[in-house]
């Protein structure tokens, strides 16, 4: 909610900023991957207990890195040329 308030502070500059749009795309991708990951984890836990495969670990690491990149984009928006 705070991001929406900040967007209205300088709307035109933010909407013309390519870093802003990259961040928004990454947020949508992050949400979709997190939902798919959670659904997959629920199926794995009910199917075979505590076994965690390499793909699960790789997806978890990818999600952590993705959210770190999203945070970095958020910081970078202020410094990107408009």
PDB file of N, CA and C in Angstrom:
ATOM      1  N   UNK A   1       0.819  -1.202   0.000  1.00  0.00           N
ATOM      2  CA  UNK A   1       0.000   0.000   0.000  1.00  0.00           C
ATOM      3  C   UNK A   1       0.859   1.260   0.000  1.00  0.00           C
ATOM      4  N   UNK A   2       2.005   1.183   0.643  1.00  0.00           N
ATOM      5  CA  UNK A   2       2.876   2.356   0.665  1.00  0.00           C
ATOM      6  C   UNK A   2       3.442   2.631  -0.728  1.00  0.00           C
ATOM      7  N   UNK A   3       3.655   1.572  -1.514  1.00  0.00           N
ATOM      8  CA  UNK A   3       4.147   1.750  -2.876  1.00  0.00           C
ATOM      9  C   UNK A   3       3.164   2.503  -3.745  1.00  0.00           C
ATOM     10  N   UNK A   4       1.876   2.239  -3.549  1.00  0.00           N
ATOM     11  CA  UNK A   4       0.846   2.953  -4.311  1.00  0.00           C
ATOM     12  C   UNK A   4       0.857   4.431  -3.933  1.00  0.00           C
ATOM     13  N   UNK A   5       1.002   4.731  -2.653  1.00  0.00           N
ATOM     14  CA  UNK A   5       1.064   6.121  -2.209  1.00  0.00           C
ATOM     15  C   UNK A   5       2.294   6.825  -2.795  1.00  0.00           C
ATOM     16  N   UNK A   6       3.414   6.120  -2.861  1.00  0.00           N
ATOM     17  CA  UNK A   6       4.626   6.710  -3.434  1.00  0.00           C
ATOM     18  C   UNK A   6       4.483   6.920  -4.936  1.00  0.00           C
ATOM     19  N   UNK A   7       3.751   6.040  -5.595  1.00  0.00           N
ATOM     20  CA  UNK A   7       3.521   6.188  -7.031  1.00  0.00           C
ATOM     21  C   UNK A   7       2.784   7.488  -7.331  1.00  0.00           C
ATOM     22  N   UNK A   8       1.808   7.831  -6.513  1.00  0.00           N
ATOM     23  CA  UNK A   8       1.044   9.057  -6.739  1.00  0.00           C
ATOM     24  C   UNK A   8       1.839  10.318  -6.412  1.00  0.00           C
ATOM     25  N   UNK A   9       2.958  10.179  -5.715  1.00  0.00           N
ATOM     26  CA  UNK A   9       3.797  11.330  -5.398  1.00  0.00           C
ATOM     27  C   UNK A   9       4.429  11.950  -6.640  1.00  0.00           C
ATOM     28  N   UNK A  10       4.828  11.130  -7.584  1.00  0.00           N
ATOM     29  CA  UNK A  10       5.445  11.602  -8.831  1.00  0.00           C
ATOM     30  C   UNK A  10       5.026  10.648  -9.946  1.00  0.00           C
ATOM     31  N   UNK A  11       3.750  10.665 -10.259  1.00  0.00           N
ATOM     32  CA  UNK A  11       3.144   9.672 -11.140  1.00  0.00           C
ATOM     33  C   UNK A  11       3.761   9.639 -12.527  1.00  0.00           C
ATOM     34  N   UNK A  12       3.880  10.776 -13.179  1.00  0.00           N
ATOM     35  CA  UNK A  12       4.365  10.810 -14.560  1.00  0.00           C
ATOM     36  C   UNK A  12       5.786  10.282 -14.644  1.00  0.00           C
ATOM     37  N   UNK A  13       6.653  10.723 -13.752  1.00  0.00           N
ATOM     38  CA  UNK A  13       8.050  10.264 -13.774  1.00  0.00           C
ATOM     39  C   UNK A  13       8.130   8.764 -13.553  1.00  0.00           C
ATOM     40  N   UNK A  14       7.352   8.238 -12.623  1.00  0.00           N
ATOM     41  CA  UNK A  14       7.396   6.806 -12.342  1.00  0.00           C
ATOM     42  C   UNK A  14       6.833   5.977 -13.494  1.00  0.00           C
ATOM     43  N   UNK A  15       5.746   6.421 -14.095  1.00  0.00           N
ATOM     44  CA  UNK A  15       5.137   5.645 -15.169  1.00  0.00           C
ATOM     45  C   UNK A  15       5.970   5.664 -16.451  1.00  0.00           C
ATOM     46  N   UNK A  16       6.835   6.649 -16.601  1.00  0.00           N
ATOM     47  CA  UNK A  16       7.727   6.703 -17.753  1.00  0.00           C
ATOM     48  C   UNK A  16       9.067   6.016 -17.495  1.00  0.00           C
ATOM     49  N   UNK A  17       9.281   5.584 -16.273  1.00  0.00           N
ATOM     50  CA  UNK A  17      10.542   4.978 -15.859  1.00  0.00           C
ATOM     51  C   UNK A  17      10.550   3.486 -16.229  1.00  0.00           C
ATOM     52  N   UNK A  18      11.521   3.067 -17.022  1.00  0.00           N
ATOM     53  CA  UNK A  18      11.586   1.665 -17.447  1.00  0.00           C
ATOM     54  C   UNK A  18      11.879   0.723 -16.275  1.00  0.00           C
ATOM     55  N   UNK A  19      12.629   1.183 -15.294  1.00  0.00           N
ATOM     56  CA  UNK A  19      12.922   0.347 -14.122  1.00  0.00           C
ATOM     57  C   UNK A  19      11.640   0.042 -13.357  1.00  0.00           C
ATOM     58  N   UNK A  20      10.737   1.002 -13.286  1.00  0.00           N
ATOM     59  CA  UNK A  20       9.447   0.791 -12.626  1.00  0.00           C
ATOM     60  C   UNK A  20       8.693  -0.348 -13.299  1.00  0.00           C
ATOM     61  N   UNK A  21       8.661  -0.348 -14.631  1.00  0.00           N
ATOM     62  CA  UNK A  21       7.914  -1.379 -15.355  1.00  0.00           C
ATOM     63  C   UNK A  21       8.598  -2.737 -15.247  1.00  0.00           C
ATOM     64  N   UNK A  22       9.916  -2.749 -15.223  1.00  0.00           N
ATOM     65  CA  UNK A  22      10.631  -4.006 -14.997  1.00  0.00           C
ATOM     66  C   UNK A  22      10.266  -4.560 -13.627  1.00  0.00           C
ATOM     67  N   UNK A  23      10.233  -3.691 -12.633  1.00  0.00           N
ATOM     68  CA  UNK A  23       9.880  -4.126 -11.285  1.00  0.00           C
ATOM     69  C   UNK A  23       8.465  -4.675 -11.244  1.00  0.00           C
ATOM     70  N   UNK A  24       7.525  -4.010 -11.892  1.00  0.00           N
ATOM     71  CA  UNK A  24       6.138  -4.465 -11.871  1.00  0.00           C
ATOM     72  C   UNK A  24       5.998  -5.833 -12.539  1.00  0.00           C
ATOM     73  N   UNK A  25       6.700  -6.047 -13.638  1.00  0.00           N
ATOM     74  CA  UNK A  25       6.672  -7.349 -14.308  1.00  0.00           C
ATOM     75  C   UNK A  25       7.269  -8.419 -13.402  1.00  0.00           C
ATOM     76  N   UNK A  26       8.386  -8.094 -12.751  1.00  0.00           N
ATOM     77  CA  UNK A  26       9.019  -9.052 -11.844  1.00  0.00           C
ATOM     78  C   UNK A  26       8.130  -9.365 -10.641  1.00  0.00           C
ATOM     79  N   UNK A  27       7.381  -8.385 -10.155  1.00  0.00           N
ATOM     80  CA  UNK A  27       6.461  -8.627  -9.035  1.00  0.00           C
ATOM     81  C   UNK A  27       5.376  -9.617  -9.459  1.00  0.00           C
ATOM     82  N   UNK A  28       4.814  -9.418 -10.644  1.00  0.00           N
ATOM     83  CA  UNK A  28       3.786 -10.346 -11.138  1.00  0.00           C
ATOM     84  C   UNK A  28       4.375 -11.750 -11.304  1.00  0.00           C
ATOM     85  N   UNK A  29       5.571 -11.835 -11.895  1.00  0.00           N
ATOM     86  CA  UNK A  29       6.231 -13.135 -12.052  1.00  0.00           C
ATOM     87  C   UNK A  29       6.497 -13.769 -10.688  1.00  0.00           C
ATOM     88  N   UNK A  30       6.976 -12.969  -9.738  1.00  0.00           N
ATOM     89  CA  UNK A  30       7.257 -13.478  -8.394  1.00  0.00           C
ATOM     90  C   UNK A  30       6.019 -14.008  -7.705  1.00  0.00           C
ATOM     91  N   UNK A  31       4.912 -13.307  -7.840  1.00  0.00           N
ATOM     92  CA  UNK A  31       3.666 -13.764  -7.222  1.00  0.00           C
ATOM     93  C   UNK A  31       3.198 -15.064  -7.861  1.00  0.00           C
ATOM     94  N   UNK A  32       3.236 -15.136  -9.190  1.00  0.00           N
ATOM     95  CA  UNK A  32       2.792 -16.351  -9.874  1.00  0.00           C
ATOM     96  C   UNK A  32       3.675 -17.554  -9.542  1.00  0.00           C
ATOM     97  N   UNK A  33       4.988 -17.347  -9.516  1.00  0.00           N
ATOM     98  CA  UNK A  33       5.902 -18.447  -9.179  1.00  0.00           C
ATOM     99  C   UNK A  33       5.710 -18.869  -7.730  1.00  0.00           C
ATOM    100  N   UNK A  34       5.499 -17.912  -6.827  1.00  0.00           N
ATOM    101  CA  UNK A  34       5.295 -18.241  -5.413  1.00  0.00           C
ATOM    102  C   UNK A  34       4.006 -19.040  -5.215  1.00  0.00           C
ATOM    103  N   UNK A  35       2.960 -18.682  -5.936  1.00  0.00           N
ATOM    104  CA  UNK A  35       1.702 -19.431  -5.832  1.00  0.00           C
ATOM    105  C   UNK A  35       1.887 -20.852  -6.359  1.00  0.00           C
ATOM    106  N   UNK A  36       2.542 -20.984  -7.516  1.00  0.00           N
ATOM    107  CA  UNK A  36       2.791 -22.313  -8.081  1.00  0.00           C
ATOM    108  C   UNK A  36       3.684 -23.136  -7.157  1.00  0.00           C
ATOM    109  N   UNK A  37       4.688 -22.496  -6.577  1.00  0.00           N
ATOM    110  CA  UNK A  37       5.605 -23.186  -5.663  1.00  0.00           C
ATOM    111  C   UNK A  37       4.865 -23.680  -4.426  1.00  0.00           C
ATOM    112  N   UNK A  38       4.021 -22.846  -3.871  1.00  0.00           N
ATOM    113  CA  UNK A  38       3.261 -23.222  -2.684  1.00  0.00           C
ATOM    114  C   UNK A  38       2.327 -24.383  -2.979  1.00  0.00           C
ATOM    115  N   UNK A  39       1.659 -24.323  -4.115  1.00  0.00           N
ATOM    116  CA  UNK A  39       0.767 -25.412  -4.503  1.00  0.00           C
ATOM    117  C   UNK A  39       1.540 -26.708  -4.684  1.00  0.00           C
ATOM    118  N   UNK A  40       2.695 -26.617  -5.325  1.00  0.00           N
ATOM    119  CA  UNK A  40       3.541 -27.790  -5.531  1.00  0.00           C
ATOM    120  C   UNK A  40       4.022 -28.365  -4.205  1.00  0.00           C
ATOM    121  N   UNK A  41       4.406 -27.505  -3.295  1.00  0.00           N
ATOM    122  CA  UNK A  41       4.884 -27.963  -1.990  1.00  0.00           C
ATOM    123  C   UNK A  41       3.778 -28.660  -1.208  1.00  0.00           C
ATOM    124  N   UNK A  42       2.565 -28.146  -1.294  1.00  0.00           N
ATOM    125  CA  UNK A  42       1.449 -28.801  -0.594  1.00  0.00           C
ATOM    126  C   UNK A  42       1.233 -30.211  -1.131  1.00  0.00           C
ATOM    127  N   UNK A  43       1.329 -30.373  -2.457  1.00  0.00           N
ATOM    128  CA  UNK A  43       1.157 -31.703  -3.051  1.00  0.00           C
ATOM    129  C   UNK A  43       2.290 -32.634  -2.641  1.00  0.00           C
ATOM    130  N   UNK A  44       3.520 -32.127  -2.598  1.00  0.00           N
ATOM    131  CA  UNK A  44       4.663 -32.965  -2.239  1.00  0.00           C
ATOM    132  C   UNK A  44       4.587 -33.423  -0.794  1.00  0.00           C
ATOM    133  N   UNK A  45       4.197 -32.515   0.086  1.00  0.00           N
ATOM    134  CA  UNK A  45       4.141 -32.862   1.508  1.00  0.00           C
ATOM    135  C   UNK A  45       3.064 -33.908   1.753  1.00  0.00           C
ATOM    136  N   UNK A  46       1.916 -33.772   1.115  1.00  0.00           N
ATOM    137  CA  UNK A  46       0.867 -34.763   1.332  1.00  0.00           C
ATOM    138  C   UNK A  46       1.185 -36.076   0.640  1.00  0.00           C
ATOM    139  N   UNK A  47       2.000 -36.047  -0.423  1.00  0.00           N
ATOM    140  CA  UNK A  47       2.296 -37.263  -1.176  1.00  0.00           C
ATOM    141  C   UNK A  47       3.392 -38.104  -0.522  1.00  0.00           C
ATOM    142  N   UNK A  48       4.480 -37.464  -0.079  1.00  0.00           N
ATOM    143  CA  UNK A  48       5.608 -38.294   0.378  1.00  0.00           C
ATOM    144  C   UNK A  48       6.318 -37.757   1.615  1.00  0.00           C
ATOM    145  N   UNK A  49       5.675 -37.062   2.464  1.00  0.00           N
ATOM    146  CA  UNK A  49       6.278 -36.654   3.720  1.00  0.00           C
ATOM    147  C   UNK A  49       7.269 -35.523   3.602  1.00  0.00           C
ATOM    148  N   UNK A  50       8.530 -35.763   4.021  1.00  0.00           N
ATOM    149  CA  UNK A  50       9.508 -34.695   4.145  1.00  0.00           C
ATOM    150  C   UNK A  50      10.570 -34.688   3.046  1.00  0.00           C
ATOM    151  N   UNK A  51      10.367 -35.379   1.971  1.00  0.00           N
ATOM    152  CA  UNK A  51      11.369 -35.443   0.905  1.00  0.00           C
ATOM    153  C   UNK A  51      11.326 -34.153   0.099  1.00  0.00           C
ATOM    154  N   UNK A  52      12.488 -33.502  -0.028  1.00  0.00           N
ATOM    155  CA  UNK A  52      12.590 -32.257  -0.805  1.00  0.00           C
ATOM    156  C   UNK A  52      13.606 -32.497  -1.911  1.00  0.00           C
ATOM    157  N   UNK A  53      13.152 -32.343  -3.148  1.00  0.00           N
ATOM    158  CA  UNK A  53      14.028 -32.592  -4.290  1.00  0.00           C
ATOM    159  C   UNK A  53      14.866 -31.386  -4.654  1.00  0.00           C
ATOM    160  N   UNK A  54      15.767 -31.594  -5.610  1.00  0.00           N
ATOM    161  CA  UNK A  54      16.645 -30.520  -6.064  1.00  0.00           C
ATOM    162  C   UNK A  54      15.886 -29.406  -6.762  1.00  0.00           C
ATOM    163  N   UNK A  55      14.828 -29.744  -7.489  1.00  0.00           N
ATOM    164  CA  UNK A  55      14.022 -28.727  -8.164  1.00  0.00           C
ATOM    165  C   UNK A  55      13.334 -27.802  -7.177  1.00  0.00           C
ATOM    166  N   UNK A  56      12.903 -28.361  -6.075  1.00  0.00           N
ATOM    167  CA  UNK A  56      12.255 -27.559  -5.030  1.00  0.00           C
ATOM    168  C   UNK A  56      13.243 -26.566  -4.428  1.00  0.00           C
ATOM    169  N   UNK A  57      14.435 -27.045  -4.148  1.00  0.00           N
ATOM    170  CA  UNK A  57      15.462 -26.162  -3.588  1.00  0.00           C
ATOM    171  C   UNK A  57      15.848 -25.073  -4.589  1.00  0.00           C
ATOM    172  N   UNK A  58      15.979 -25.444  -5.855  1.00  0.00           N
ATOM    173  CA  UNK A  58      16.345 -24.475  -6.886  1.00  0.00           C
ATOM    174  C   UNK A  58      15.266 -23.408  -7.036  1.00  0.00           C
ATOM    175  N   UNK A  59      14.005 -23.831  -6.981  1.00  0.00           N
ATOM    176  CA  UNK A  59      12.902 -22.863  -7.084  1.00  0.00           C
ATOM    177  C   UNK A  59      12.890 -21.934  -5.884  1.00  0.00           C
ATOM    178  N   UNK A  60      13.148 -22.458  -4.705  1.00  0.00           N
ATOM    179  CA  UNK A  60      13.191 -21.626  -3.500  1.00  0.00           C
ATOM    180  C   UNK A  60      14.318 -20.597  -3.592  1.00  0.00           C
ATOM    181  N   UNK A  61      15.476 -21.024  -4.046  1.00  0.00           N
ATOM    182  CA  UNK A  61      16.608 -20.101  -4.207  1.00  0.00           C
ATOM    183  C   UNK A  61      16.283 -19.051  -5.259  1.00  0.00           C
ATOM    184  N   UNK A  62      15.660 -19.490  -6.367  1.00  0.00           N
ATOM    185  CA  UNK A  62      15.245 -18.549  -7.415  1.00  0.00           C
ATOM    186  C   UNK A  62      14.291 -17.500  -6.862  1.00  0.00           C
ATOM    187  N   UNK A  63      13.326 -17.918  -6.043  1.00  0.00           N
ATOM    188  CA  UNK A  63      12.373 -16.957  -5.475  1.00  0.00           C
ATOM    189  C   UNK A  63      13.056 -15.942  -4.561  1.00  0.00           C
ATOM    190  N   UNK A  64      13.989 -16.397  -3.753  1.00  0.00           N
ATOM    191  CA  UNK A  64      14.709 -15.473  -2.866  1.00  0.00           C
ATOM    192  C   UNK A  64      15.498 -14.459  -3.694  1.00  0.00           C
ATOM    193  N   UNK A  65      16.192 -14.940  -4.722  1.00  0.00           N
ATOM    194  CA  UNK A  65      16.964 -14.037  -5.576  1.00  0.00           C
ATOM    195  C   UNK A  65      16.036 -13.081  -6.316  1.00  0.00           C
ATOM    196  N   UNK A  66      14.898 -13.589  -6.808  1.00  0.00           N
ATOM    197  CA  UNK A  66      13.935 -12.742  -7.522  1.00  0.00           C
ATOM    198  C   UNK A  66      13.428 -11.610  -6.640  1.00  0.00           C
ATOM    199  N   UNK A  67      13.067 -11.907  -5.391  1.00  0.00           N
ATOM    200  CA  UNK A  67      12.572 -10.853  -4.505  1.00  0.00           C
ATOM    201  C   UNK A  67      13.687  -9.865  -4.139  1.00  0.00           C
ATOM    202  N   UNK A  68      14.930 -10.318  -4.066  1.00  0.00           N
ATOM    203  CA  UNK A  68      16.042  -9.393  -3.833  1.00  0.00           C
ATOM    204  C   UNK A  68      16.226  -8.460  -5.025  1.00  0.00           C
ATOM    205  N   UNK A  69      16.080  -8.987  -6.238  1.00  0.00           N
ATOM    206  CA  UNK A  69      16.171  -8.149  -7.436  1.00  0.00           C
ATOM    207  C   UNK A  69      15.020  -7.147  -7.466  1.00  0.00           C
ATOM    208  N   UNK A  70      13.832  -7.567  -7.066  1.00  0.00           N
ATOM    209  CA  UNK A  70      12.685  -6.651  -7.008  1.00  0.00           C
ATOM    210  C   UNK A  70      12.961  -5.517  -6.024  1.00  0.00           C
ATOM    211  N   UNK A  71      13.531  -5.839  -4.877  1.00  0.00           N
ATOM    212  CA  UNK A  71      13.869  -4.788  -3.908  1.00  0.00           C
ATOM    213  C   UNK A  71      14.924  -3.839  -4.468  1.00  0.00           C
ATOM    214  N   UNK A  72      15.922  -4.391  -5.157  1.00  0.00           N
ATOM    215  CA  UNK A  72      16.964  -3.550  -5.752  1.00  0.00           C
ATOM    216  C   UNK A  72      16.371  -2.637  -6.823  1.00  0.00           C
ATOM    217  N   UNK A  73      15.443  -3.153  -7.614  1.00  0.00           N
ATOM    218  CA  UNK A  73      14.776  -2.308  -8.620  1.00  0.00           C
ATOM    219  C   UNK A  73      14.016  -1.180  -7.942  1.00  0.00           C
ATOM    220  N   UNK A  74      13.374  -1.472  -6.830  1.00  0.00           N
ATOM    221  CA  UNK A  74      12.656  -0.438  -6.090  1.00  0.00           C
ATOM    222  C   UNK A  74      13.570   0.684  -5.642  1.00  0.00           C
ATOM    223  N   UNK A  75      14.758   0.321  -5.200  1.00  0.00           N
ATOM    224  CA  UNK A  75      15.728   1.346  -4.799  1.00  0.00           C
ATOM    225  C   UNK A  75      16.290   2.091  -6.005  1.00  0.00           C
ATOM    226  N   UNK A  76      16.429   1.393  -7.123  1.00  0.00           N
ATOM    227  CA  UNK A  76      17.036   1.946  -8.320  1.00  0.00           C
ATOM    228  C   UNK A  76      16.116   2.923  -9.047  1.00  0.00           C
ATOM    229  N   UNK A  77      14.818   2.836  -8.817  1.00  0.00           N
ATOM    230  CA  UNK A  77      13.860   3.710  -9.484  1.00  0.00           C
ATOM    231  C   UNK A  77      14.197   5.180  -9.232  1.00  0.00           C
ATOM    232  N   UNK A  78      14.576   5.505  -8.035  1.00  0.00           N
ATOM    233  CA  UNK A  78      14.856   6.899  -7.684  1.00  0.00           C
ATOM    234  C   UNK A  78      16.077   7.452  -8.421  1.00  0.00           C
ATOM    235  N   UNK A  79      17.002   6.592  -8.796  1.00  0.00           N
ATOM    236  CA  UNK A  79      18.245   7.042  -9.394  1.00  0.00           C
ATOM    237  C   UNK A  79      18.291   6.878 -10.918  1.00  0.00           C
ATOM    238  N   UNK A  80      17.277   6.237 -11.475  1.00  0.00           N
ATOM    239  CA  UNK A  80      17.243   6.031 -12.917  1.00  0.00           C
ATOM    240  C   UNK A  80      16.903   7.357 -13.624  1.00  0.00           C
ATOM    241  N   UNK A  81      17.551   7.621 -14.738  1.00  0.00           N
ATOM    242  CA  UNK A  81      17.242   8.868 -15.450  1.00  0.00           C
ATOM    243  C   UNK A  81      15.823   8.819 -16.006  1.00  0.00           C
ATOM    244  N   UNK A  82      15.156   9.946 -15.919  1.00  0.00           N
ATOM    245  CA  UNK A  82      13.761  10.005 -16.393  1.00  0.00           C
ATOM    246  C   UNK A  82      13.686  10.686 -17.737  1.00  0.00           C
TER     247      UNK A  82
END
